[in-house]
Structure formats: structure tokens, C-alpha cells
């Protein structure tokens, strides 16, 4: 198995230390697995898309503006 060094702020480290029973390496591994799965799904969806990158960015900006207005 490979090793990965992860840096966190002192504040996060103090919060983590409140839960010594938690295997933080396992938590990080699971979060990484979930992120990879989400990225793979996104890649699959994007591979089937006919939108250009420029069109996608423009659409994203419109969605962000509408969401900001709503909330």
C-alpha cells in the first residue's frame, strides 16, 4: 500500500483530537474513494455531452446567478 501525507490546519487537528477513537486515515481513504467515484461519474456524463467548454461555463454562471438570487 502507498502512503500519502496529508496536512491540516492546527484547528482541524485539535478538533480531530477530540475523537481519538476515530481512524482518520480510514476517513480520508473513504473520502478520496467517494471523490474519485463522483469524478468518474462526471467524466462519463461529460463524455456524452455535446456542449463545448465555453457553453458549459456560461451555463454554470447563469445557474450560479439564479441560485444566488434565490438564496
Protein backbone atom coordinates (compact mmCIF):
# COMPACT_ATOMS: atom_id res chain seq x y z
CA UNK A 1 0.00 0.00 0.00
CA UNK A 2 1.23 3.51 -0.79
CA UNK A 3 1.50 6.29 1.76
CA UNK A 4 0.12 9.80 1.49
CA UNK A 5 0.95 12.69 3.80
CA UNK A 6 -1.97 15.00 4.48
CA UNK A 7 -1.63 18.45 6.03
CA UNK A 8 -4.46 20.00 8.05
CA UNK A 9 -4.68 23.25 9.96
CA UNK A 10 -3.99 23.30 13.69
CA UNK A 11 -7.67 23.99 14.28
CA UNK A 12 -8.73 20.87 12.39
CA UNK A 13 -6.06 18.82 14.18
CA UNK A 14 -7.42 19.98 17.58
CA UNK A 15 -10.96 19.00 16.50
CA UNK A 16 -9.73 15.59 15.33
CA UNK A 17 -8.00 15.02 18.66
CA UNK A 18 -11.40 15.27 20.38
CA UNK A 19 -12.23 11.93 18.76
CA UNK A 20 -9.20 9.67 19.34
CA UNK A 21 -11.26 6.56 18.65
CA UNK A 22 -11.69 7.58 15.00
CA UNK A 23 -9.31 6.13 12.43
CA UNK A 24 -8.71 9.36 10.50
CA UNK A 25 -6.70 7.56 7.83
CA UNK A 26 -9.74 5.40 7.08
CA UNK A 27 -11.93 8.52 6.95
CA UNK A 28 -9.55 10.15 4.47
CA UNK A 29 -9.37 6.97 2.34
CA UNK A 30 -13.17 6.78 2.17
CA UNK A 31 -13.48 10.47 1.27
CA UNK A 32 -10.93 10.01 -1.51
CA UNK A 33 -12.78 6.95 -2.83
CA UNK A 34 -16.07 8.89 -2.86
CA UNK A 35 -14.47 11.83 -4.65
CA UNK A 36 -12.97 9.54 -7.30
CA UNK A 37 -16.34 7.85 -7.84
CA UNK A 38 -18.03 11.24 -8.26
CA UNK A 39 -15.35 12.43 -10.70
CA UNK A 40 -15.68 9.23 -12.73
CA UNK A 41 -19.45 9.77 -12.97
CA UNK A 42 -18.89 13.37 -14.05
CA UNK A 43 -16.39 12.26 -16.70
CA UNK A 44 -18.89 9.73 -18.03
CA UNK A 45 -21.62 12.35 -18.24
CA UNK A 46 -19.32 14.89 -19.83
CA UNK A 47 -18.06 12.39 -22.40
CA UNK A 48 -21.62 12.12 -23.72
CA UNK A 49 -22.19 15.89 -23.68
CA UNK A 50 -22.34 17.90 -26.88
CA UNK A 51 -21.77 21.22 -25.11
CA UNK A 52 -18.47 22.98 -25.55
CA UNK A 53 -16.42 24.03 -22.54
CA UNK A 54 -17.32 27.66 -23.22
CA UNK A 55 -21.06 26.84 -23.31
CA UNK A 56 -20.77 24.81 -20.13
CA UNK A 57 -19.03 27.65 -18.27
CA UNK A 58 -21.64 30.16 -19.46
CA UNK A 59 -24.44 27.84 -18.32
CA UNK A 60 -22.73 27.36 -14.94
CA UNK A 61 -22.53 31.13 -14.43
CA UNK A 62 -26.25 31.50 -15.17
CA UNK A 63 -27.11 28.76 -12.68
CA UNK A 64 -24.89 30.34 -10.04
CA UNK A 65 -26.51 33.75 -10.51
CA UNK A 66 -30.02 32.31 -10.26
CA UNK A 67 -29.13 30.28 -7.18
CA UNK A 68 -27.54 33.33 -5.53
CA UNK A 69 -30.65 35.38 -6.28
CA UNK A 70 -32.92 32.70 -4.87
CA UNK A 71 -30.95 32.23 -1.67
